[in-house]
């Protein structure tokens, strides 16, 4: 998956915008951070919990990893080259739903 494909898919969710974070391209829900391009072909993706993040790391080590910097935070690093669009949609929808307003959830449901 490319960054451009990821952005197009993310922008299909109500309220999602392109932005920046730490000087890098990012995706936010309004002003709420969801993910950012950490380096070429690697994104930092927020997760709902440390447990969910740790499960991803254990189950799909070829796709997900973390560095010491992220060890104490609910983020996972994702290799875009190994990420399928449907898998990204599922991961993204989970964190989007956690931060979306009732109106945004209703707008998504009616799509």
PDB file of N, CA and C in Angstrom:
ATOM      1  N   UNK A   1       0.851  -1.171   0.000  1.00  0.00           N
ATOM      2  CA  UNK A   1       0.000   0.000   0.000  1.00  0.00           C
ATOM      3  C   UNK A   1       0.898   1.235   0.000  1.00  0.00           C
ATOM      4  N   UNK A   2       0.501   2.243  -0.723  1.00  0.00           N
ATOM      5  CA  UNK A   2       1.270   3.484  -0.752  1.00  0.00           C
ATOM      6  C   UNK A   2       0.644   4.501   0.205  1.00  0.00           C
ATOM      7  N   UNK A   3       1.415   5.535   0.529  1.00  0.00           N
ATOM      8  CA  UNK A   3       0.893   6.612   1.361  1.00  0.00           C
ATOM      9  C   UNK A   3      -0.321   7.250   0.682  1.00  0.00           C
ATOM     10  N   UNK A   4      -0.252   7.455  -0.619  1.00  0.00           N
ATOM     11  CA  UNK A   4      -1.348   8.078  -1.350  1.00  0.00           C
ATOM     12  C   UNK A   4      -2.623   7.236  -1.267  1.00  0.00           C
ATOM     13  N   UNK A   5      -2.489   5.916  -1.383  1.00  0.00           N
ATOM     14  CA  UNK A   5      -3.647   5.022  -1.254  1.00  0.00           C
ATOM     15  C   UNK A   5      -4.220   5.083   0.166  1.00  0.00           C
ATOM     16  N   UNK A   6      -3.335   5.099   1.140  1.00  0.00           N
ATOM     17  CA  UNK A   6      -3.745   5.171   2.533  1.00  0.00           C
ATOM     18  C   UNK A   6      -4.529   6.459   2.789  1.00  0.00           C
ATOM     19  N   UNK A   7      -4.013   7.580   2.304  1.00  0.00           N
ATOM     20  CA  UNK A   7      -4.683   8.865   2.491  1.00  0.00           C
ATOM     21  C   UNK A   7      -6.063   8.843   1.847  1.00  0.00           C
ATOM     22  N   UNK A   8      -6.158   8.352   0.631  1.00  0.00           N
ATOM     23  CA  UNK A   8      -7.450   8.300  -0.056  1.00  0.00           C
ATOM     24  C   UNK A   8      -8.458   7.472   0.737  1.00  0.00           C
ATOM     25  N   UNK A   9      -8.033   6.348   1.258  1.00  0.00           N
ATOM     26  CA  UNK A   9      -8.926   5.499   2.041  1.00  0.00           C
ATOM     27  C   UNK A   9      -9.318   6.194   3.339  1.00  0.00           C
ATOM     28  N   UNK A  10      -8.369   6.784   4.032  1.00  0.00           N
ATOM     29  CA  UNK A  10      -8.648   7.468   5.300  1.00  0.00           C
ATOM     30  C   UNK A  10      -9.604   8.636   5.103  1.00  0.00           C
ATOM     31  N   UNK A  11      -9.434   9.375   4.010  1.00  0.00           N
ATOM     32  CA  UNK A  11     -10.287  10.535   3.758  1.00  0.00           C
ATOM     33  C   UNK A  11     -11.728  10.154   3.421  1.00  0.00           C
ATOM     34  N   UNK A  12     -11.985   8.875   3.187  1.00  0.00           N
ATOM     35  CA  UNK A  12     -13.357   8.435   2.928  1.00  0.00           C
ATOM     36  C   UNK A  12     -14.183   8.371   4.219  1.00  0.00           C
ATOM     37  N   UNK A  13     -13.535   8.517   5.368  1.00  0.00           N
ATOM     38  CA  UNK A  13     -14.229   8.520   6.656  1.00  0.00           C
ATOM     39  C   UNK A  13     -14.623   9.954   7.015  1.00  0.00           C
ATOM     40  N   UNK A  14     -15.845  10.176   7.484  1.00  0.00           N
ATOM     41  CA  UNK A  14     -16.288  11.524   7.834  1.00  0.00           C
ATOM     42  C   UNK A  14     -15.378  12.211   8.851  1.00  0.00           C
ATOM     43  N   UNK A  15     -15.054  13.466   8.567  1.00  0.00           N
ATOM     44  CA  UNK A  15     -14.268  14.281   9.493  1.00  0.00           C
ATOM     45  C   UNK A  15     -12.771  14.126   9.403  1.00  0.00           C
ATOM     46  N   UNK A  16     -12.299  13.185   8.605  1.00  0.00           N
ATOM     47  CA  UNK A  16     -10.854  12.931   8.503  1.00  0.00           C
ATOM     48  C   UNK A  16     -10.220  13.961   7.576  1.00  0.00           C
ATOM     49  N   UNK A  17      -9.053  14.470   8.012  1.00  0.00           N
ATOM     50  CA  UNK A  17      -8.335  15.483   7.242  1.00  0.00           C
ATOM     51  C   UNK A  17      -6.852  15.134   7.174  1.00  0.00           C
ATOM     52  N   UNK A  18      -6.213  15.630   6.124  1.00  0.00           N
ATOM     53  CA  UNK A  18      -4.756  15.564   6.036  1.00  0.00           C
ATOM     54  C   UNK A  18      -4.196  16.695   6.868  1.00  0.00           C
ATOM     55  N   UNK A  19      -3.092  16.429   7.540  1.00  0.00           N
ATOM     56  CA  UNK A  19      -2.480  17.416   8.402  1.00  0.00           C
ATOM     57  C   UNK A  19      -0.983  17.129   8.488  1.00  0.00           C
ATOM     58  N   UNK A  20      -0.345  17.652   9.520  1.00  0.00           N
ATOM     59  CA  UNK A  20       1.051  17.327   9.803  1.00  0.00           C
ATOM     60  C   UNK A  20       1.198  17.038  11.290  1.00  0.00           C
ATOM     61  N   UNK A  21       2.233  16.295  11.617  1.00  0.00           N
ATOM     62  CA  UNK A  21       2.595  16.002  12.994  1.00  0.00           C
ATOM     63  C   UNK A  21       4.100  15.815  13.037  1.00  0.00           C
ATOM     64  N   UNK A  22       4.766  16.562  13.882  1.00  0.00           N
ATOM     65  CA  UNK A  22       6.224  16.521  13.966  1.00  0.00           C
ATOM     66  C   UNK A  22       6.867  16.757  12.605  1.00  0.00           C
ATOM     67  N   UNK A  23       6.245  17.626  11.813  1.00  0.00           N
ATOM     68  CA  UNK A  23       6.787  17.980  10.508  1.00  0.00           C
ATOM     69  C   UNK A  23       6.607  16.922   9.434  1.00  0.00           C
ATOM     70  N   UNK A  24       5.796  15.911   9.713  1.00  0.00           N
ATOM     71  CA  UNK A  24       5.569  14.848   8.729  1.00  0.00           C
ATOM     72  C   UNK A  24       4.083  14.806   8.375  1.00  0.00           C
ATOM     73  N   UNK A  25       3.733  14.267   7.194  1.00  0.00           N
ATOM     74  CA  UNK A  25       2.324  14.132   6.835  1.00  0.00           C
ATOM     75  C   UNK A  25       1.585  13.280   7.862  1.00  0.00           C
ATOM     76  N   UNK A  26       0.357  13.679   8.161  1.00  0.00           N
ATOM     77  CA  UNK A  26      -0.433  12.971   9.174  1.00  0.00           C
ATOM     78  C   UNK A  26      -1.894  12.950   8.756  1.00  0.00           C
ATOM     79  N   UNK A  27      -2.628  12.076   9.416  1.00  0.00           N
ATOM     80  CA  UNK A  27      -4.070  11.967   9.255  1.00  0.00           C
ATOM     81  C   UNK A  27      -4.684  12.208  10.629  1.00  0.00           C
ATOM     82  N   UNK A  28      -5.674  13.103  10.654  1.00  0.00           N
ATOM     83  CA  UNK A  28      -6.352  13.422  11.908  1.00  0.00           C
ATOM     84  C   UNK A  28      -7.856  13.383  11.702  1.00  0.00           C
ATOM     85  N   UNK A  29      -8.555  13.225  12.785  1.00  0.00           N
ATOM     86  CA  UNK A  29     -10.006  13.361  12.806  1.00  0.00           C
ATOM     87  C   UNK A  29     -10.253  14.729  13.418  1.00  0.00           C
ATOM     88  N   UNK A  30     -10.470  15.718  12.557  1.00  0.00           N
ATOM     89  CA  UNK A  30     -10.495  17.103  13.022  1.00  0.00           C
ATOM     90  C   UNK A  30      -9.098  17.462  13.507  1.00  0.00           C
ATOM     91  N   UNK A  31      -8.949  17.680  14.813  1.00  0.00           N
ATOM     92  CA  UNK A  31      -7.626  17.964  15.383  1.00  0.00           C
ATOM     93  C   UNK A  31      -7.052  16.767  16.135  1.00  0.00           C
ATOM     94  N   UNK A  32      -7.783  15.650  16.160  1.00  0.00           N
ATOM     95  CA  UNK A  32      -7.360  14.466  16.909  1.00  0.00           C
ATOM     96  C   UNK A  32      -6.453  13.585  16.054  1.00  0.00           C
ATOM     97  N   UNK A  33      -5.253  13.316  16.561  1.00  0.00           N
ATOM     98  CA  UNK A  33      -4.259  12.524  15.848  1.00  0.00           C
ATOM     99  C   UNK A  33      -4.712  11.069  15.682  1.00  0.00           C
ATOM    100  N   UNK A  34      -4.505  10.539  14.471  1.00  0.00           N
ATOM    101  CA  UNK A  34      -4.775   9.124  14.206  1.00  0.00           C
ATOM    102  C   UNK A  34      -3.517   8.385  13.749  1.00  0.00           C
ATOM    103  N   UNK A  35      -2.786   8.992  12.820  1.00  0.00           N
ATOM    104  CA  UNK A  35      -1.562   8.350  12.317  1.00  0.00           C
ATOM    105  C   UNK A  35      -0.691   9.381  11.626  1.00  0.00           C
ATOM    106  N   UNK A  36       0.570   9.010  11.431  1.00  0.00           N
ATOM    107  CA  UNK A  36       1.475   9.876  10.668  1.00  0.00           C
ATOM    108  C   UNK A  36       2.480   9.028   9.906  1.00  0.00           C
ATOM    109  N   UNK A  37       3.010   9.616   8.853  1.00  0.00           N
ATOM    110  CA  UNK A  37       4.078   8.984   8.099  1.00  0.00           C
ATOM    111  C   UNK A  37       5.357   9.227   8.889  1.00  0.00           C
ATOM    112  N   UNK A  38       5.923   8.187   9.446  1.00  0.00           N
ATOM    113  CA  UNK A  38       7.095   8.332  10.307  1.00  0.00           C
ATOM    114  C   UNK A  38       8.368   8.424   9.485  1.00  0.00           C
ATOM    115  N   UNK A  39       8.444   7.613   8.473  1.00  0.00           N
ATOM    116  CA  UNK A  39       9.541   7.637   7.509  1.00  0.00           C
ATOM    117  C   UNK A  39       8.994   7.011   6.240  1.00  0.00           C
ATOM    118  N   UNK A  40       9.712   7.117   5.139  1.00  0.00           N
ATOM    119  CA  UNK A  40       9.141   6.546   3.904  1.00  0.00           C
ATOM    120  C   UNK A  40       8.694   5.092   4.117  1.00  0.00           C
ATOM    121  N   UNK A  41       7.440   4.831   3.781  1.00  0.00           N
ATOM    122  CA  UNK A  41       6.857   3.494   3.836  1.00  0.00           C
ATOM    123  C   UNK A  41       6.630   2.930   5.232  1.00  0.00           C
ATOM    124  N   UNK A  42       6.684   3.782   6.271  1.00  0.00           N
ATOM    125  CA  UNK A  42       6.374   3.342   7.637  1.00  0.00           C
ATOM    126  C   UNK A  42       5.476   4.388   8.279  1.00  0.00           C
ATOM    127  N   UNK A  43       4.350   3.917   8.829  1.00  0.00           N
ATOM    128  CA  UNK A  43       3.461   4.827   9.539  1.00  0.00           C
ATOM    129  C   UNK A  43       3.443   4.497  11.025  1.00  0.00           C
ATOM    130  N   UNK A  44       3.182   5.516  11.825  1.00  0.00           N
ATOM    131  CA  UNK A  44       2.914   5.349  13.254  1.00  0.00           C
ATOM    132  C   UNK A  44       1.403   5.445  13.389  1.00  0.00           C
ATOM    133  N   UNK A  45       0.782   4.361  13.806  1.00  0.00           N
ATOM    134  CA  UNK A  45      -0.674   4.243  13.868  1.00  0.00           C
ATOM    135  C   UNK A  45      -1.114   4.090  15.311  1.00  0.00           C
ATOM    136  N   UNK A  46      -1.992   4.980  15.745  1.00  0.00           N
ATOM    137  CA  UNK A  46      -2.506   4.896  17.100  1.00  0.00           C
ATOM    138  C   UNK A  46      -3.398   3.673  17.235  1.00  0.00           C
ATOM    139  N   UNK A  47      -3.367   3.040  18.394  1.00  0.00           N
ATOM    140  CA  UNK A  47      -4.198   1.879  18.680  1.00  0.00           C
ATOM    141  C   UNK A  47      -5.064   2.176  19.892  1.00  0.00           C
ATOM    142  N   UNK A  48      -6.169   1.450  20.076  1.00  0.00           N
ATOM    143  CA  UNK A  48      -7.059   1.734  21.199  1.00  0.00           C
ATOM    144  C   UNK A  48      -6.484   1.358  22.559  1.00  0.00           C
ATOM    145  N   UNK A  49      -5.545   0.420  22.587  1.00  0.00           N
ATOM    146  CA  UNK A  49      -4.978  -0.009  23.874  1.00  0.00           C
ATOM    147  C   UNK A  49      -3.600  -0.626  23.663  1.00  0.00           C
ATOM    148  N   UNK A  50      -2.859  -0.702  24.740  1.00  0.00           N
ATOM    149  CA  UNK A  50      -1.562  -1.372  24.700  1.00  0.00           C
ATOM    150  C   UNK A  50      -1.743  -2.866  24.443  1.00  0.00           C
ATOM    151  N   UNK A  51      -2.791  -3.454  25.007  1.00  0.00           N
ATOM    152  CA  UNK A  51      -3.048  -4.882  24.803  1.00  0.00           C
ATOM    153  C   UNK A  51      -3.285  -5.193  23.329  1.00  0.00           C
ATOM    154  N   UNK A  52      -4.083  -4.359  22.666  1.00  0.00           N
ATOM    155  CA  UNK A  52      -4.358  -4.578  21.246  1.00  0.00           C
ATOM    156  C   UNK A  52      -3.075  -4.402  20.439  1.00  0.00           C
ATOM    157  N   UNK A  53      -2.299  -3.378  20.780  1.00  0.00           N
ATOM    158  CA  UNK A  53      -1.021  -3.160  20.095  1.00  0.00           C
ATOM    159  C   UNK A  53      -0.112  -4.373  20.265  1.00  0.00           C
ATOM    160  N   UNK A  54       0.018  -4.866  21.488  1.00  0.00           N
ATOM    161  CA  UNK A  54       0.896  -6.008  21.749  1.00  0.00           C
ATOM    162  C   UNK A  54       0.439  -7.264  21.014  1.00  0.00           C
ATOM    163  N   UNK A  55      -0.872  -7.438  20.889  1.00  0.00           N
ATOM    164  CA  UNK A  55      -1.403  -8.575  20.144  1.00  0.00           C
ATOM    165  C   UNK A  55      -0.988  -8.474  18.672  1.00  0.00           C
ATOM    166  N   UNK A  56      -1.108  -7.278  18.097  1.00  0.00           N
ATOM    167  CA  UNK A  56      -0.694  -7.092  16.698  1.00  0.00           C
ATOM    168  C   UNK A  56       0.787  -7.407  16.522  1.00  0.00           C
ATOM    169  N   UNK A  57       1.600  -6.953  17.454  1.00  0.00           N
ATOM    170  CA  UNK A  57       3.045  -7.206  17.374  1.00  0.00           C
ATOM    171  C   UNK A  57       3.351  -8.696  17.414  1.00  0.00           C
ATOM    172  N   UNK A  58       2.611  -9.412  18.219  1.00  0.00           N
ATOM    173  CA  UNK A  58       2.842 -10.853  18.364  1.00  0.00           C
ATOM    174  C   UNK A  58       2.360 -11.641  17.152  1.00  0.00           C
ATOM    175  N   UNK A  59       1.203 -11.274  16.633  1.00  0.00           N
ATOM    176  CA  UNK A  59       0.572 -12.054  15.575  1.00  0.00           C
ATOM    177  C   UNK A  59       1.155 -11.759  14.195  1.00  0.00           C
ATOM    178  N   UNK A  60       1.530 -10.502  13.931  1.00  0.00           N
ATOM    179  CA  UNK A  60       1.981 -10.118  12.592  1.00  0.00           C
ATOM    180  C   UNK A  60       3.282  -9.319  12.638  1.00  0.00           C
ATOM    181  N   UNK A  61       4.343  -9.967  13.069  1.00  0.00           N
ATOM    182  CA  UNK A  61       5.632  -9.295  13.217  1.00  0.00           C
ATOM    183  C   UNK A  61       6.221  -8.827  11.883  1.00  0.00           C
ATOM    184  N   UNK A  62       5.772  -9.385  10.769  1.00  0.00           N
ATOM    185  CA  UNK A  62       6.270  -8.937   9.469  1.00  0.00           C
ATOM    186  C   UNK A  62       5.639  -7.607   9.057  1.00  0.00           C
ATOM    187  N   UNK A  63       4.538  -7.239   9.695  1.00  0.00           N
ATOM    188  CA  UNK A  63       3.814  -6.020   9.363  1.00  0.00           C
ATOM    189  C   UNK A  63       3.976  -4.945  10.433  1.00  0.00           C
ATOM    190  N   UNK A  64       3.925  -5.338  11.703  1.00  0.00           N
ATOM    191  CA  UNK A  64       3.930  -4.399  12.825  1.00  0.00           C
ATOM    192  C   UNK A  64       5.212  -4.512  13.633  1.00  0.00           C
ATOM    193  N   UNK A  65       5.664  -3.369  14.149  1.00  0.00           N
ATOM    194  CA  UNK A  65       6.805  -3.351  15.058  1.00  0.00           C
ATOM    195  C   UNK A  65       6.762  -2.056  15.846  1.00  0.00           C
ATOM    196  N   UNK A  66       7.619  -1.941  16.849  1.00  0.00           N
ATOM    197  CA  UNK A  66       7.765  -0.692  17.589  1.00  0.00           C
ATOM    198  C   UNK A  66       9.246  -0.454  17.834  1.00  0.00           C
ATOM    199  N   UNK A  67       9.565   0.755  18.174  1.00  0.00           N
ATOM    200  CA  UNK A  67      10.913   1.103  18.634  1.00  0.00           C
ATOM    201  C   UNK A  67      10.799   1.441  20.121  1.00  0.00           C
ATOM    202  N   UNK A  68      11.919   1.629  20.772  1.00  0.00           N
ATOM    203  CA  UNK A  68      11.898   1.976  22.196  1.00  0.00           C
ATOM    204  C   UNK A  68      11.080   3.241  22.455  1.00  0.00           C
ATOM    205  N   UNK A  69      11.095   4.156  21.510  1.00  0.00           N
ATOM    206  CA  UNK A  69      10.349   5.406  21.661  1.00  0.00           C
ATOM    207  C   UNK A  69       8.857   5.157  21.872  1.00  0.00           C
ATOM    208  N   UNK A  70       8.295   4.145  21.231  1.00  0.00           N
ATOM    209  CA  UNK A  70       6.856   3.860  21.289  1.00  0.00           C
ATOM    210  C   UNK A  70       6.491   2.806  22.339  1.00  0.00           C
ATOM    211  N   UNK A  71       7.460   2.256  23.023  1.00  0.00           N
ATOM    212  CA  UNK A  71       7.215   1.150  23.948  1.00  0.00           C
ATOM    213  C   UNK A  71       6.133   1.463  24.999  1.00  0.00           C
ATOM    214  N   UNK A  72       6.082   2.675  25.489  1.00  0.00           N
ATOM    215  CA  UNK A  72       5.135   3.033  26.553  1.00  0.00           C
ATOM    216  C   UNK A  72       3.879   3.738  26.046  1.00  0.00           C
ATOM    217  N   UNK A  73       3.642   3.681  24.756  1.00  0.00           N
ATOM    218  CA  UNK A  73       2.502   4.378  24.159  1.00  0.00           C
ATOM    219  C   UNK A  73       1.692   3.423  23.279  1.00  0.00           C
ATOM    220  N   UNK A  74       0.397   3.676  23.134  1.00  0.00           N
ATOM    221  CA  UNK A  74      -0.444   2.781  22.319  1.00  0.00           C
ATOM    222  C   UNK A  74      -0.349   3.094  20.815  1.00  0.00           C
ATOM    223  N   UNK A  75       0.850   2.959  20.296  1.00  0.00           N
ATOM    224  CA  UNK A  75       1.108   3.149  18.867  1.00  0.00           C
ATOM    225  C   UNK A  75       1.824   1.924  18.346  1.00  0.00           C
ATOM    226  N   UNK A  76       1.604   1.642  17.086  1.00  0.00           N
ATOM    227  CA  UNK A  76       2.315   0.567  16.422  1.00  0.00           C
ATOM    228  C   UNK A  76       2.878   1.144  15.124  1.00  0.00           C
ATOM    229  N   UNK A  77       4.054   0.721  14.759  1.00  0.00           N
ATOM    230  CA  UNK A  77       4.644   1.103  13.482  1.00  0.00           C
ATOM    231  C   UNK A  77       4.256   0.044  12.465  1.00  0.00           C
ATOM    232  N   UNK A  78       3.906   0.507  11.269  1.00  0.00           N
ATOM    233  CA  UNK A  78       3.371  -0.389  10.248  1.00  0.00           C
ATOM    234  C   UNK A  78       4.176  -0.226   8.968  1.00  0.00           C
ATOM    235  N   UNK A  79       4.590  -1.350   8.393  1.00  0.00           N
ATOM    236  CA  UNK A  79       5.294  -1.353   7.108  1.00  0.00           C
ATOM    237  C   UNK A  79       4.260  -1.283   5.987  1.00  0.00           C
ATOM    238  N   UNK A  80       4.196  -0.152   5.301  1.00  0.00           N
ATOM    239  CA  UNK A  80       3.192   0.024   4.258  1.00  0.00           C
ATOM    240  C   UNK A  80       3.321  -0.996   3.141  1.00  0.00           C
ATOM    241  N   UNK A  81       4.534  -1.407   2.818  1.00  0.00           N
ATOM    242  CA  UNK A  81       4.738  -2.384   1.744  1.00  0.00           C
ATOM    243  C   UNK A  81       4.004  -3.696   2.003  1.00  0.00           C
ATOM    244  N   UNK A  82       3.790  -4.031   3.283  1.00  0.00           N
ATOM    245  CA  UNK A  82       3.146  -5.295   3.649  1.00  0.00           C
ATOM    246  C   UNK A  82       1.680  -5.129   4.025  1.00  0.00           C
ATOM    247  N   UNK A  83       1.151  -3.913   3.922  1.00  0.00           N
ATOM    248  CA  UNK A  83      -0.203  -3.623   4.386  1.00  0.00           C
ATOM    249  C   UNK A  83      -1.201  -3.661   3.235  1.00  0.00           C
ATOM    250  N   UNK A  84      -2.206  -4.505   3.368  1.00  0.00           N
ATOM    251  CA  UNK A  84      -3.280  -4.581   2.374  1.00  0.00           C
ATOM    252  C   UNK A  84      -4.331  -3.520   2.689  1.00  0.00           C
ATOM    253  N   UNK A  85      -4.961  -2.935   1.671  1.00  0.00           N
ATOM    254  CA  UNK A  85      -5.971  -1.900   1.903  1.00  0.00           C
ATOM    255  C   UNK A  85      -7.100  -2.327   2.844  1.00  0.00           C
ATOM    256  N   UNK A  86      -7.613  -3.541   2.703  1.00  0.00           N
ATOM    257  CA  UNK A  86      -8.695  -4.003   3.580  1.00  0.00           C
ATOM    258  C   UNK A  86      -8.241  -4.093   5.031  1.00  0.00           C
ATOM    259  N   UNK A  87      -7.000  -4.510   5.232  1.00  0.00           N
ATOM    260  CA  UNK A  87      -6.464  -4.597   6.593  1.00  0.00           C
ATOM    261  C   UNK A  87      -6.318  -3.193   7.178  1.00  0.00           C
ATOM    262  N   UNK A  88      -5.814  -2.265   6.366  1.00  0.00           N
ATOM    263  CA  UNK A  88      -5.700  -0.886   6.845  1.00  0.00           C
ATOM    264  C   UNK A  88      -7.072  -0.337   7.213  1.00  0.00           C
ATOM    265  N   UNK A  89      -8.066  -0.550   6.364  1.00  0.00           N
ATOM    266  CA  UNK A  89      -9.412  -0.031   6.637  1.00  0.00           C
ATOM    267  C   UNK A  89      -9.903  -0.519   7.999  1.00  0.00           C
ATOM    268  N   UNK A  90      -9.707  -1.779   8.289  1.00  0.00           N
ATOM    269  CA  UNK A  90     -10.140  -2.351   9.559  1.00  0.00           C
ATOM    270  C   UNK A  90      -9.398  -1.711  10.736  1.00  0.00           C
ATOM    271  N   UNK A  91      -8.084  -1.593  10.619  1.00  0.00           N
ATOM    272  CA  UNK A  91      -7.284  -0.974  11.682  1.00  0.00           C
ATOM    273  C   UNK A  91      -7.676   0.486  11.883  1.00  0.00           C
ATOM    274  N   UNK A  92      -7.842   1.191  10.771  1.00  0.00           N
ATOM    275  CA  UNK A  92      -8.156   2.607  10.827  1.00  0.00           C
ATOM    276  C   UNK A  92      -9.554   2.834  11.395  1.00  0.00           C
ATOM    277  N   UNK A  93     -10.503   2.026  10.965  1.00  0.00           N
ATOM    278  CA  UNK A  93     -11.877   2.192  11.438  1.00  0.00           C
ATOM    279  C   UNK A  93     -11.963   2.039  12.950  1.00  0.00           C
ATOM    280  N   UNK A  94     -11.196   1.139  13.520  1.00  0.00           N
ATOM    281  CA  UNK A  94     -11.212   0.930  14.967  1.00  0.00           C
ATOM    282  C   UNK A  94     -10.854   2.206  15.711  1.00  0.00           C
ATOM    283  N   UNK A  95      -9.770   2.854  15.329  1.00  0.00           N
ATOM    284  CA  UNK A  95      -9.338   4.063  16.037  1.00  0.00           C
ATOM    285  C   UNK A  95     -10.215   5.250  15.658  1.00  0.00           C
ATOM    286  N   UNK A  96     -10.682   5.293  14.403  1.00  0.00           N
ATOM    287  CA  UNK A  96     -11.577   6.368  13.978  1.00  0.00           C
ATOM    288  C   UNK A  96     -12.862   6.334  14.805  1.00  0.00           C
ATOM    289  N   UNK A  97     -13.453   5.146  14.957  1.00  0.00           N
ATOM    290  CA  UNK A  97     -14.700   5.012  15.721  1.00  0.00           C
ATOM    291  C   UNK A  97     -14.520   5.464  17.170  1.00  0.00           C
ATOM    292  N   UNK A  98     -13.357   5.201  17.740  1.00  0.00           N
ATOM    293  CA  UNK A  98     -13.087   5.583  19.123  1.00  0.00           C
ATOM    294  C   UNK A  98     -13.101   7.105  19.306  1.00  0.00           C
ATOM    295  N   UNK A  99     -12.738   7.838  18.264  1.00  0.00           N
ATOM    296  CA  UNK A  99     -12.617   9.292  18.366  1.00  0.00           C
ATOM    297  C   UNK A  99     -13.731  10.060  17.661  1.00  0.00           C
ATOM    298  N   UNK A 100     -14.527   9.400  16.871  1.00  0.00           N
ATOM    299  CA  UNK A 100     -15.571  10.065  16.081  1.00  0.00           C
ATOM    300  C   UNK A 100     -16.713  10.556  16.966  1.00  0.00           C
ATOM    301  N   UNK A 101     -17.338  11.630  16.521  1.00  0.00           N
ATOM    302  CA  UNK A 101     -18.536  12.134  17.190  1.00  0.00           C
ATOM    303  C   UNK A 101     -19.735  11.285  16.772  1.00  0.00           C
ATOM    304  N   UNK A 102     -20.841  11.458  17.471  1.00  0.00           N
ATOM    305  CA  UNK A 102     -22.065  10.733  17.110  1.00  0.00           C
ATOM    306  C   UNK A 102     -22.500  11.086  15.687  1.00  0.00           C
ATOM    307  N   UNK A 103     -22.369  12.365  15.332  1.00  0.00           N
ATOM    308  CA  UNK A 103     -22.750  12.796  13.986  1.00  0.00           C
ATOM    309  C   UNK A 103     -21.851  12.157  12.929  1.00  0.00           C
ATOM    310  N   UNK A 104     -20.556  12.056  13.195  1.00  0.00           N
ATOM    311  CA  UNK A 104     -19.637  11.427  12.244  1.00  0.00           C
ATOM    312  C   UNK A 104     -19.931   9.936  12.116  1.00  0.00           C
ATOM    313  N   UNK A 105     -20.224   9.286  13.217  1.00  0.00           N
ATOM    314  CA  UNK A 105     -20.587   7.861  13.187  1.00  0.00           C
ATOM    315  C   UNK A 105     -21.866   7.658  12.364  1.00  0.00           C
ATOM    316  N   UNK A 106     -22.847   8.525  12.554  1.00  0.00           N
ATOM    317  CA  UNK A 106     -24.095   8.423  11.805  1.00  0.00           C
ATOM    318  C   UNK A 106     -23.853   8.667  10.308  1.00  0.00           C
ATOM    319  N   UNK A 107     -23.001   9.619   9.989  1.00  0.00           N
ATOM    320  CA  UNK A 107     -22.685   9.901   8.586  1.00  0.00           C
ATOM    321  C   UNK A 107     -21.972   8.714   7.935  1.00  0.00           C
ATOM    322  N   UNK A 108     -21.113   8.059   8.669  1.00  0.00           N
ATOM    323  CA  UNK A 108     -20.399   6.886   8.161  1.00  0.00           C
ATOM    324  C   UNK A 108     -21.363   5.729   7.937  1.00  0.00           C
ATOM    325  N   UNK A 109     -22.268   5.549   8.863  1.00  0.00           N
ATOM    326  CA  UNK A 109     -23.237   4.457   8.776  1.00  0.00           C
ATOM    327  C   UNK A 109     -24.142   4.615   7.549  1.00  0.00           C
ATOM    328  N   UNK A 110     -24.414   5.855   7.182  1.00  0.00           N
ATOM    329  CA  UNK A 110     -25.320   6.105   6.046  1.00  0.00           C
ATOM    330  C   UNK A 110     -24.624   6.092   4.692  1.00  0.00           C
ATOM    331  N   UNK A 111     -23.305   5.928   4.689  1.00  0.00           N
ATOM    332  CA  UNK A 111     -22.564   5.890   3.410  1.00  0.00           C
ATOM    333  C   UNK A 111     -22.863   4.629   2.643  1.00  0.00           C
TER     334      UNK A 111
END
